[in-house]
Amino acid sequence: MTSENRELKKAGLKVTAPRLKILSMLSDASGQGDHFSAEDLYQRLRDTGEDIGLATVYRVLTQFESAGLIIRHNFEAGYSVFEMASDHHHDHMVDVDTSEVIEFIDEEIERRQHLIAEQHGYEIIDHSSCFTSEKTGGLAVFQHLSGVGQRAFGQL
């Protein structure tokens, strides 16, 4: 039994060809830090000769998200990308010109967020940060920070 089969069964989902193909594609991409929109996945499936419709891709992604297998990141203008769920925390930076999603880890940002929450009498229980940026001379310029997590702070 493949790891994808085990993951689907563990999540309570029936093992089907579309689910296996999509899960495999997302699993392969997670090691590279890639994020896909539903349309990206659909196009990649078509490029590999798979006959899976866009509606099926959306339905499978919704099922995977509900089962906790993947995480949806909603960015500005309704743009959403998906990645495998992981215990590994990271934040994202989105290039406004290319829509490329760049993962990063910054301990100083993490430390400051916890300090700010503590100063206001809160403890961070979950968060997600996304910088919208554009390249200038090879350096990213941060335009703003927007939380995209479901719940950023919770009371102590």
N, C-alpha and C. Protein backbone atom coordinates (compact mmCIF):
# COMPACT_ATOMS: atom_id res chain seq x y z
N MET A 1 0.85 -1.18 0.00
CA MET A 1 0.00 0.00 0.00
C MET A 1 0.90 1.24 0.00
N THR A 2 0.62 2.18 -0.89
CA THR A 2 1.44 3.39 -0.97
C THR A 2 1.12 4.34 0.17
N SER A 3 2.02 5.28 0.39
CA SER A 3 1.79 6.26 1.46
C SER A 3 0.55 7.11 1.16
N GLU A 4 0.30 7.40 -0.13
CA GLU A 4 -0.90 8.16 -0.50
C GLU A 4 -2.17 7.37 -0.14
N ASN A 5 -2.16 6.05 -0.42
CA ASN A 5 -3.31 5.21 -0.05
C ASN A 5 -3.56 5.27 1.45
N ARG A 6 -2.47 5.14 2.22
CA ARG A 6 -2.59 5.18 3.69
C ARG A 6 -3.14 6.52 4.16
N GLU A 7 -2.63 7.61 3.58
CA GLU A 7 -3.08 8.95 3.98
C GLU A 7 -4.57 9.12 3.71
N LEU A 8 -5.03 8.68 2.55
CA LEU A 8 -6.45 8.80 2.21
C LEU A 8 -7.31 7.97 3.17
N LYS A 9 -6.91 6.74 3.42
CA LYS A 9 -7.68 5.88 4.32
C LYS A 9 -7.69 6.44 5.74
N LYS A 10 -6.54 6.92 6.18
CA LYS A 10 -6.42 7.51 7.52
C LYS A 10 -7.35 8.72 7.66
N ALA A 11 -7.52 9.47 6.56
CA ALA A 11 -8.39 10.65 6.57
C ALA A 11 -9.86 10.28 6.37
N GLY A 12 -10.13 8.99 6.19
CA GLY A 12 -11.51 8.55 6.01
C GLY A 12 -12.03 8.75 4.60
N LEU A 13 -11.13 8.89 3.65
CA LEU A 13 -11.53 9.10 2.26
C LEU A 13 -11.31 7.83 1.45
N LYS A 14 -12.23 7.57 0.53
CA LYS A 14 -12.10 6.44 -0.37
C LYS A 14 -10.92 6.68 -1.31
N VAL A 15 -10.20 5.63 -1.60
CA VAL A 15 -9.06 5.73 -2.51
C VAL A 15 -9.58 5.69 -3.94
N THR A 16 -9.41 6.82 -4.65
CA THR A 16 -9.80 6.91 -6.06
C THR A 16 -8.62 7.42 -6.86
N ALA A 17 -8.64 7.18 -8.15
CA ALA A 17 -7.54 7.63 -9.02
C ALA A 17 -7.34 9.15 -8.95
N PRO A 18 -8.40 9.96 -9.06
CA PRO A 18 -8.17 11.42 -8.98
C PRO A 18 -7.57 11.85 -7.65
N ARG A 19 -8.05 11.28 -6.55
CA ARG A 19 -7.50 11.64 -5.24
C ARG A 19 -6.03 11.25 -5.14
N LEU A 20 -5.70 10.06 -5.62
CA LEU A 20 -4.31 9.60 -5.58
C LEU A 20 -3.40 10.51 -6.41
N LYS A 21 -3.84 10.86 -7.61
CA LYS A 21 -3.02 11.71 -8.49
C LYS A 21 -2.80 13.09 -7.88
N ILE A 22 -3.86 13.68 -7.36
CA ILE A 22 -3.76 15.03 -6.79
C ILE A 22 -2.92 15.00 -5.51
N LEU A 23 -3.15 14.01 -4.65
CA LEU A 23 -2.37 13.91 -3.42
C LEU A 23 -0.89 13.68 -3.73
N SER A 24 -0.61 12.84 -4.70
CA SER A 24 0.77 12.58 -5.09
C SER A 24 1.45 13.85 -5.60
N MET A 25 0.73 14.61 -6.42
CA MET A 25 1.28 15.85 -6.96
C MET A 25 1.57 16.85 -5.84
N LEU A 26 0.65 16.98 -4.90
CA LEU A 26 0.85 17.90 -3.77
C LEU A 26 1.98 17.42 -2.86
N SER A 27 2.04 16.11 -2.63
CA SER A 27 3.11 15.55 -1.78
C SER A 27 4.48 15.78 -2.40
N ASP A 28 4.59 15.54 -3.69
CA ASP A 28 5.87 15.76 -4.38
C ASP A 28 6.29 17.22 -4.31
N ALA A 29 5.32 18.12 -4.43
CA ALA A 29 5.62 19.56 -4.42
C ALA A 29 5.99 20.07 -3.04
N SER A 30 5.47 19.42 -1.99
CA SER A 30 5.70 19.94 -0.64
C SER A 30 7.17 19.91 -0.25
N GLY A 31 7.92 18.96 -0.76
CA GLY A 31 9.34 18.90 -0.46
C GLY A 31 10.13 20.01 -1.11
N GLN A 32 9.53 20.65 -2.11
CA GLN A 32 10.19 21.72 -2.84
C GLN A 32 9.65 23.10 -2.46
N GLY A 33 8.67 23.13 -1.53
CA GLY A 33 8.09 24.40 -1.12
C GLY A 33 7.13 24.98 -2.15
N ASP A 34 6.67 24.15 -3.09
CA ASP A 34 5.75 24.64 -4.12
C ASP A 34 4.33 24.70 -3.59
N HIS A 35 3.58 25.65 -4.11
CA HIS A 35 2.17 25.82 -3.79
C HIS A 35 1.41 25.86 -5.11
N PHE A 36 0.24 25.23 -5.15
CA PHE A 36 -0.53 25.18 -6.39
C PHE A 36 -1.93 25.73 -6.18
N SER A 37 -2.42 26.44 -7.16
CA SER A 37 -3.84 26.77 -7.20
C SER A 37 -4.56 25.56 -7.79
N ALA A 38 -5.87 25.55 -7.70
CA ALA A 38 -6.64 24.46 -8.31
C ALA A 38 -6.38 24.42 -9.81
N GLU A 39 -6.29 25.59 -10.42
CA GLU A 39 -6.05 25.67 -11.86
C GLU A 39 -4.66 25.15 -12.22
N ASP A 40 -3.65 25.45 -11.37
CA ASP A 40 -2.30 24.92 -11.59
C ASP A 40 -2.32 23.39 -11.58
N LEU A 41 -2.98 22.82 -10.58
CA LEU A 41 -3.05 21.36 -10.49
C LEU A 41 -3.76 20.77 -11.70
N TYR A 42 -4.86 21.39 -12.08
CA TYR A 42 -5.63 20.92 -13.24
C TYR A 42 -4.75 20.92 -14.49
N GLN A 43 -4.01 22.00 -14.71
CA GLN A 43 -3.16 22.09 -15.90
C GLN A 43 -2.04 21.05 -15.85
N ARG A 44 -1.45 20.85 -14.69
CA ARG A 44 -0.38 19.84 -14.57
C ARG A 44 -0.93 18.44 -14.83
N LEU A 45 -2.13 18.17 -14.34
CA LEU A 45 -2.75 16.88 -14.60
C LEU A 45 -2.99 16.69 -16.09
N ARG A 46 -3.50 17.72 -16.75
CA ARG A 46 -3.72 17.65 -18.20
C ARG A 46 -2.41 17.44 -18.94
N ASP A 47 -1.35 18.15 -18.49
CA ASP A 47 -0.04 18.04 -19.14
C ASP A 47 0.53 16.63 -19.04
N THR A 48 0.13 15.90 -18.00
CA THR A 48 0.62 14.52 -17.84
C THR A 48 -0.35 13.50 -18.42
N GLY A 49 -1.37 13.98 -19.13
CA GLY A 49 -2.30 13.09 -19.81
C GLY A 49 -3.45 12.59 -18.96
N GLU A 50 -3.62 13.14 -17.78
CA GLU A 50 -4.71 12.72 -16.90
C GLU A 50 -6.02 13.36 -17.36
N ASP A 51 -7.09 12.58 -17.32
CA ASP A 51 -8.41 13.07 -17.71
C ASP A 51 -9.24 13.34 -16.46
N ILE A 52 -8.85 14.40 -15.74
CA ILE A 52 -9.54 14.79 -14.51
C ILE A 52 -10.02 16.22 -14.71
N GLY A 53 -11.31 16.45 -14.55
CA GLY A 53 -11.89 17.76 -14.79
C GLY A 53 -11.58 18.76 -13.68
N LEU A 54 -11.70 20.04 -14.02
CA LEU A 54 -11.44 21.11 -13.06
C LEU A 54 -12.39 21.02 -11.86
N ALA A 55 -13.66 20.70 -12.11
CA ALA A 55 -14.62 20.57 -11.01
C ALA A 55 -14.19 19.47 -10.04
N THR A 56 -13.65 18.38 -10.58
CA THR A 56 -13.16 17.29 -9.73
C THR A 56 -11.97 17.74 -8.90
N VAL A 57 -11.08 18.51 -9.51
CA VAL A 57 -9.92 19.04 -8.78
C VAL A 57 -10.40 19.89 -7.61
N TYR A 58 -11.34 20.80 -7.85
CA TYR A 58 -11.87 21.65 -6.77
C TYR A 58 -12.51 20.79 -5.68
N ARG A 59 -13.31 19.81 -6.07
CA ARG A 59 -14.00 18.96 -5.11
C ARG A 59 -13.00 18.17 -4.25
N VAL A 60 -11.98 17.59 -4.89
CA VAL A 60 -10.97 16.82 -4.16
C VAL A 60 -10.19 17.72 -3.21
N LEU A 61 -9.83 18.92 -3.66
CA LEU A 61 -9.10 19.85 -2.79
C LEU A 61 -9.94 20.22 -1.57
N THR A 62 -11.22 20.45 -1.77
CA THR A 62 -12.12 20.77 -0.65
C THR A 62 -12.19 19.59 0.32
N GLN A 63 -12.27 18.38 -0.20
CA GLN A 63 -12.30 17.19 0.65
C GLN A 63 -10.99 17.03 1.42
N PHE A 64 -9.87 17.25 0.74
CA PHE A 64 -8.56 17.15 1.40
C PHE A 64 -8.43 18.20 2.51
N GLU A 65 -8.91 19.41 2.21
CA GLU A 65 -8.84 20.48 3.22
C GLU A 65 -9.69 20.12 4.43
N SER A 66 -10.90 19.64 4.20
CA SER A 66 -11.79 19.25 5.31
C SER A 66 -11.20 18.11 6.13
N ALA A 67 -10.46 17.23 5.48
CA ALA A 67 -9.86 16.08 6.16
C ALA A 67 -8.54 16.45 6.84
N GLY A 68 -8.07 17.68 6.64
CA GLY A 68 -6.83 18.12 7.27
C GLY A 68 -5.56 17.67 6.56
N LEU A 69 -5.69 17.18 5.33
CA LEU A 69 -4.51 16.74 4.58
C LEU A 69 -3.75 17.91 3.97
N ILE A 70 -4.48 18.96 3.61
CA ILE A 70 -3.85 20.12 2.98
C ILE A 70 -4.31 21.40 3.66
N ILE A 71 -3.59 22.46 3.37
CA ILE A 71 -3.93 23.79 3.87
C ILE A 71 -4.16 24.70 2.67
N ARG A 72 -5.23 25.47 2.75
CA ARG A 72 -5.52 26.48 1.72
C ARG A 72 -5.04 27.82 2.24
N HIS A 73 -4.30 28.53 1.42
CA HIS A 73 -3.89 29.89 1.75
C HIS A 73 -4.63 30.83 0.82
N ASN A 74 -5.43 31.71 1.41
CA ASN A 74 -6.19 32.69 0.64
C ASN A 74 -5.43 34.00 0.61
N PHE A 75 -5.02 34.40 -0.56
CA PHE A 75 -4.31 35.65 -0.72
C PHE A 75 -5.25 36.67 -1.34
N GLU A 76 -4.73 37.86 -1.59
CA GLU A 76 -5.56 38.95 -2.09
C GLU A 76 -6.20 38.62 -3.44
N ALA A 77 -7.29 39.30 -3.72
CA ALA A 77 -8.02 39.18 -4.98
C ALA A 77 -8.54 37.76 -5.21
N GLY A 78 -8.83 37.05 -4.11
CA GLY A 78 -9.41 35.72 -4.23
C GLY A 78 -8.45 34.64 -4.68
N TYR A 79 -7.16 34.92 -4.68
CA TYR A 79 -6.16 33.95 -5.12
C TYR A 79 -5.88 32.97 -4.00
N SER A 80 -6.06 31.68 -4.25
CA SER A 80 -5.82 30.64 -3.25
C SER A 80 -4.82 29.63 -3.77
N VAL A 81 -3.95 29.19 -2.88
CA VAL A 81 -3.02 28.11 -3.21
C VAL A 81 -3.09 27.06 -2.11
N PHE A 82 -2.63 25.87 -2.43
CA PHE A 82 -2.70 24.75 -1.52
C PHE A 82 -1.32 24.15 -1.30
N GLU A 83 -1.12 23.62 -0.09
CA GLU A 83 0.09 22.87 0.22
C GLU A 83 -0.27 21.80 1.23
N MET A 84 0.58 20.80 1.34
CA MET A 84 0.34 19.73 2.30
C MET A 84 0.38 20.28 3.72
N ALA A 85 -0.50 19.77 4.57
CA ALA A 85 -0.49 20.15 5.98
C ALA A 85 0.80 19.63 6.61
N SER A 86 1.33 20.41 7.53
CA SER A 86 2.61 20.06 8.14
C SER A 86 2.70 20.69 9.52
N ASP A 87 3.50 20.09 10.38
CA ASP A 87 3.78 20.69 11.69
C ASP A 87 4.86 21.75 11.58
N HIS A 88 5.48 21.84 10.43
CA HIS A 88 6.57 22.78 10.17
C HIS A 88 5.98 24.17 9.89
N HIS A 89 6.16 25.12 10.84
CA HIS A 89 5.62 26.47 10.68
C HIS A 89 6.50 27.30 9.75
N HIS A 90 5.84 28.05 8.89
CA HIS A 90 6.54 28.98 8.01
C HIS A 90 5.56 30.05 7.59
N ASP A 91 6.08 31.14 7.08
CA ASP A 91 5.25 32.22 6.56
C ASP A 91 5.45 32.30 5.05
N HIS A 92 4.71 33.20 4.43
CA HIS A 92 4.74 33.30 2.97
C HIS A 92 4.95 34.73 2.51
N MET A 93 5.58 34.84 1.36
CA MET A 93 5.74 36.11 0.66
C MET A 93 5.24 35.86 -0.76
N VAL A 94 4.37 36.74 -1.26
CA VAL A 94 3.80 36.56 -2.59
C VAL A 94 4.29 37.68 -3.50
N ASP A 95 4.87 37.31 -4.63
CA ASP A 95 5.34 38.27 -5.62
C ASP A 95 4.13 38.80 -6.38
N VAL A 96 3.89 40.12 -6.34
CA VAL A 96 2.71 40.70 -6.97
C VAL A 96 2.74 40.60 -8.49
N ASP A 97 3.92 40.47 -9.07
CA ASP A 97 4.03 40.39 -10.53
C ASP A 97 3.83 38.98 -11.06
N THR A 98 4.36 37.99 -10.35
CA THR A 98 4.33 36.61 -10.85
C THR A 98 3.40 35.69 -10.07
N SER A 99 2.89 36.15 -8.93
CA SER A 99 2.07 35.34 -8.01
C SER A 99 2.86 34.18 -7.41
N GLU A 100 4.18 34.21 -7.54
CA GLU A 100 5.01 33.18 -6.93
C GLU A 100 4.88 33.27 -5.41
N VAL A 101 4.73 32.13 -4.75
CA VAL A 101 4.63 32.06 -3.30
C VAL A 101 5.97 31.56 -2.77
N ILE A 102 6.59 32.36 -1.91
CA ILE A 102 7.89 32.02 -1.36
C ILE A 102 7.72 31.75 0.13
N GLU A 103 8.14 30.57 0.57
CA GLU A 103 8.10 30.23 1.99
C GLU A 103 9.34 30.78 2.67
N PHE A 104 9.17 31.23 3.92
CA PHE A 104 10.34 31.65 4.69
C PHE A 104 10.09 31.44 6.17
N ILE A 105 11.17 31.35 6.91
CA ILE A 105 11.13 31.24 8.37
C ILE A 105 12.02 32.35 8.91
N ASP A 106 11.48 33.14 9.85
CA ASP A 106 12.27 34.21 10.45
C ASP A 106 12.00 34.22 11.95
N GLU A 107 12.98 33.80 12.71
CA GLU A 107 12.82 33.70 14.16
C GLU A 107 12.56 35.07 14.81
N GLU A 108 13.11 36.13 14.25
CA GLU A 108 12.89 37.47 14.81
C GLU A 108 11.42 37.88 14.66
N ILE A 109 10.83 37.61 13.50
CA ILE A 109 9.40 37.90 13.31
C ILE A 109 8.57 37.10 14.31
N GLU A 110 8.88 35.83 14.46
CA GLU A 110 8.15 34.98 15.41
C GLU A 110 8.27 35.51 16.83
N ARG A 111 9.49 35.87 17.22
CA ARG A 111 9.73 36.40 18.57
C ARG A 111 8.94 37.68 18.80
N ARG A 112 8.96 38.59 17.83
CA ARG A 112 8.25 39.87 17.96
C ARG A 112 6.74 39.66 18.06
N GLN A 113 6.19 38.74 17.29
CA GLN A 113 4.75 38.48 17.35
C GLN A 113 4.35 38.02 18.74
N HIS A 114 5.12 37.12 19.31
CA HIS A 114 4.82 36.62 20.66
C HIS A 114 4.96 37.73 21.70
N LEU A 115 5.96 38.57 21.55
CA LEU A 115 6.17 39.68 22.46
C LEU A 115 5.00 40.67 22.40
N ILE A 116 4.58 41.01 21.20
CA ILE A 116 3.46 41.95 21.03
C ILE A 116 2.18 41.37 21.64
N ALA A 117 1.90 40.11 21.37
CA ALA A 117 0.71 39.47 21.94
C ALA A 117 0.77 39.50 23.47
N GLU A 118 1.93 39.17 24.02
CA GLU A 118 2.12 39.17 25.47
C GLU A 118 1.91 40.56 26.06
N GLN A 119 2.42 41.59 25.39
CA GLN A 119 2.26 42.97 25.86
C GLN A 119 0.79 43.38 25.93
N HIS A 120 -0.04 42.76 25.11
CA HIS A 120 -1.47 43.08 25.10
C HIS A 120 -2.29 42.07 25.90
N GLY A 121 -1.61 41.17 26.61
CA GLY A 121 -2.32 40.21 27.44
C GLY A 121 -2.86 39.01 26.69
N TYR A 122 -2.24 38.66 25.58
CA TYR A 122 -2.69 37.53 24.77
C TYR A 122 -1.57 36.53 24.58
N GLU A 123 -1.97 35.34 24.19
CA GLU A 123 -1.03 34.30 23.80
C GLU A 123 -1.41 33.87 22.39
N ILE A 124 -0.45 33.81 21.50
CA ILE A 124 -0.74 33.38 20.13
C ILE A 124 -0.99 31.87 20.15
N ILE A 125 -2.14 31.47 19.61
CA ILE A 125 -2.45 30.05 19.52
C ILE A 125 -2.38 29.55 18.08
N ASP A 126 -2.44 30.47 17.14
CA ASP A 126 -2.32 30.13 15.72
C ASP A 126 -2.15 31.42 14.95
N HIS A 127 -1.39 31.37 13.89
CA HIS A 127 -1.26 32.55 13.05
C HIS A 127 -0.70 32.17 11.70
N SER A 128 -0.86 33.08 10.78
CA SER A 128 -0.28 32.93 9.46
C SER A 128 0.02 34.32 8.95
N SER A 129 1.19 34.50 8.39
CA SER A 129 1.57 35.81 7.86
C SER A 129 1.89 35.68 6.39
N CYS A 130 1.49 36.70 5.66
CA CYS A 130 1.80 36.74 4.24
C CYS A 130 2.21 38.14 3.86
N PHE A 131 3.39 38.27 3.30
CA PHE A 131 3.86 39.55 2.78
C PHE A 131 3.55 39.59 1.29
N THR A 132 2.95 40.68 0.85
CA THR A 132 2.79 40.90 -0.58
C THR A 132 3.98 41.76 -0.99
N SER A 133 4.71 41.34 -2.01
CA SER A 133 5.97 42.01 -2.32
C SER A 133 6.21 42.09 -3.82
N GLU A 134 7.19 42.91 -4.16
CA GLU A 134 7.64 42.98 -5.55
C GLU A 134 9.15 43.13 -5.54
N LYS A 135 9.78 42.60 -6.57
CA LYS A 135 11.24 42.66 -6.65
C LYS A 135 11.67 44.01 -7.21
N THR A 136 12.70 44.56 -6.60
CA THR A 136 13.33 45.77 -7.12
C THR A 136 14.83 45.56 -7.02
N GLY A 137 15.50 45.52 -8.14
CA GLY A 137 16.95 45.32 -8.13
C GLY A 137 17.36 44.04 -7.44
N GLY A 138 16.52 43.01 -7.53
CA GLY A 138 16.85 41.73 -6.93
C GLY A 138 16.45 41.61 -5.47
N LEU A 139 15.93 42.66 -4.86
CA LEU A 139 15.50 42.60 -3.47
C LEU A 139 13.99 42.70 -3.39
N ALA A 140 13.39 41.97 -2.49
CA ALA A 140 11.94 42.04 -2.31
C ALA A 140 11.59 43.26 -1.47
N VAL A 141 10.59 43.99 -1.89
CA VAL A 141 10.08 45.14 -1.14
C VAL A 141 8.75 44.73 -0.54
N PHE A 142 8.64 44.77 0.79
CA PHE A 142 7.41 44.38 1.45
C PHE A 142 6.42 45.53 1.40
N GLN A 143 5.23 45.27 0.85
CA GLN A 143 4.22 46.31 0.77
C GLN A 143 3.34 46.34 2.01
N HIS A 144 2.92 45.20 2.47
CA HIS A 144 2.12 45.14 3.69
C HIS A 144 2.05 43.72 4.20
N LEU A 145 1.61 43.59 5.42
CA LEU A 145 1.47 42.29 6.05
C LEU A 145 0.00 42.07 6.33
N SER A 146 -0.52 40.93 5.93
CA SER A 146 -1.92 40.63 6.22
C SER A 146 -2.01 39.23 6.78
N GLY A 147 -2.69 39.09 7.90
CA GLY A 147 -2.89 37.77 8.48
C GLY A 147 -3.91 37.01 7.66
N VAL A 148 -3.63 35.78 7.34
CA VAL A 148 -4.57 34.98 6.58
C VAL A 148 -5.02 33.75 7.35
N GLY A 149 -4.59 33.65 8.60
CA GLY A 149 -5.00 32.53 9.43
C GLY A 149 -6.45 32.68 9.84
N GLN A 150 -7.07 31.60 10.25
CA GLN A 150 -8.45 31.66 10.68
C GLN A 150 -8.59 32.43 11.99
N ARG A 151 -7.61 32.29 12.88
CA ARG A 151 -7.69 32.97 14.17
C ARG A 151 -6.27 33.29 14.60
N ALA A 152 -5.96 34.55 14.72
CA ALA A 152 -4.58 34.94 15.01
C ALA A 152 -4.27 34.94 16.51
N PHE A 153 -5.17 35.43 17.32
CA PHE A 153 -4.89 35.53 18.75
C PHE A 153 -6.06 34.97 19.55
N GLY A 154 -5.74 34.43 20.69
CA GLY A 154 -6.77 33.95 21.61
C GLY A 154 -6.47 34.46 23.00
N GLN A 155 -7.49 34.69 23.79
CA GLN A 155 -7.28 35.20 25.15
C GLN A 155 -6.60 34.17 26.02
N LEU A 156 -5.81 34.66 26.98
CA LEU A 156 -5.18 33.77 27.96
C LEU A 156 -6.24 33.19 28.88
